[in-house]
Amino acid sequence: MINQEILDEIKKLDINERLAIIEEVLNMIRNDLHLSEQIKIIRNKISLEKAAKELLVDYLSDKELTAFKSLDGEDFHV
């Protein structure tokens, strides 16, 4: 069904039926947007985890990256 056919069918409905359809369509769009945002968050997290795993050897052995490790036992005062 093309857009114009859908609109022609909607025109045949009374105002309450039209509003109910609009509300349902808006809810579907909100759900799709929410799902899309959740997918972005998950993809970003996976990307960050992958990058961290790839750099793990460097973080464990590179002296420049582990310089502050010597302070791990120190008390921290504000």
Protein backbone atom coordinates (compact mmCIF):
# COMPACT_ATOMS: atom_id res chain seq x y z
CA MET A 1 0.00 0.00 0.00
CA ILE A 2 1.45 3.35 -0.96
CA ASN A 3 1.31 6.46 1.21
CA GLN A 4 -1.60 8.06 -0.65
CA GLU A 5 -3.69 4.91 -0.31
CA ILE A 6 -2.98 4.84 3.42
CA LEU A 7 -3.95 8.50 3.76
CA ASP A 8 -7.14 7.95 1.73
CA GLU A 9 -8.15 5.13 4.07
CA ILE A 10 -7.38 7.23 7.14
CA LYS A 11 -9.59 10.03 5.79
CA LYS A 12 -12.52 7.62 5.95
CA LEU A 13 -12.14 7.25 9.72
CA ASP A 14 -13.67 9.48 12.35
CA ILE A 15 -11.46 11.82 14.37
CA ASN A 16 -11.13 9.48 17.37
CA GLU A 17 -10.00 6.62 15.16
CA ARG A 18 -7.52 8.91 13.42
CA LEU A 19 -6.11 10.06 16.76
CA ALA A 20 -5.79 6.46 17.94
CA ILE A 21 -3.83 5.60 14.80
CA ILE A 22 -1.58 8.64 15.21
CA GLU A 23 -0.87 7.70 18.82
CA GLU A 24 -0.04 4.13 17.86
CA VAL A 25 2.28 5.26 15.05
CA LEU A 26 4.02 7.71 17.39
CA ASN A 27 4.49 4.93 19.94
CA MET A 28 6.00 2.69 17.25
CA ILE A 29 8.39 5.48 16.24
CA ARG A 30 9.38 6.13 19.87
CA ASN A 31 10.04 2.43 20.38
CA ASP A 32 12.14 2.27 17.21
CA LEU A 33 14.15 5.33 18.27
CA HIS A 34 14.69 3.91 21.75
CA LEU A 35 15.79 0.59 20.30
CA SER A 36 18.10 2.38 17.88
CA GLU A 37 19.68 4.32 20.75
CA GLN A 38 20.15 1.13 22.76
CA ILE A 39 21.86 -0.50 19.77
CA LYS A 40 24.23 2.48 19.49
CA ILE A 41 25.09 2.22 23.18
CA ILE A 42 25.78 -1.51 22.90
CA ARG A 43 27.91 -1.06 19.77
CA ASN A 44 29.90 1.69 21.47
CA LYS A 45 30.47 -0.47 24.54
CA ILE A 46 31.62 -3.40 22.39
CA SER A 47 33.96 -1.09 20.49
CA LEU A 48 35.46 0.25 23.72
CA GLU A 49 35.88 -3.26 25.14
CA LYS A 50 37.61 -4.39 21.94
CA ALA A 51 39.97 -1.40 22.04
CA ALA A 52 40.77 -2.03 25.71
CA LYS A 53 41.56 -5.69 25.02
CA GLU A 54 43.81 -4.73 22.11
CA LEU A 55 45.75 -2.33 24.34
CA LEU A 56 45.90 -4.58 27.39
CA VAL A 57 49.48 -5.74 26.75
CA ASP A 58 50.62 -2.12 26.43
CA TYR A 59 48.87 -1.12 29.64
CA LEU A 60 50.47 -3.99 31.51
CA SER A 61 54.03 -3.54 30.25
CA ASP A 62 54.68 -0.06 28.82
CA LYS A 63 56.56 1.91 31.49
CA GLU A 64 55.04 5.21 30.36
CA LEU A 65 51.55 3.81 30.79
CA THR A 66 52.27 2.17 34.14
CA ALA A 67 54.24 5.03 35.76
CA PHE A 68 51.50 5.91 38.23
CA LYS A 69 51.06 2.28 39.27
CA SER A 70 53.79 2.83 41.83
CA LEU A 71 51.35 5.09 43.68
CA ASP A 72 48.72 2.35 44.07
CA GLY A 73 49.63 1.75 47.73
CA GLU A 74 49.68 5.46 48.63
CA ASP A 75 46.88 7.08 50.60
CA PHE A 76 44.92 9.68 48.69
CA HIS A 77 44.01 12.92 50.50
CA VAL A 78 41.90 15.72 49.15
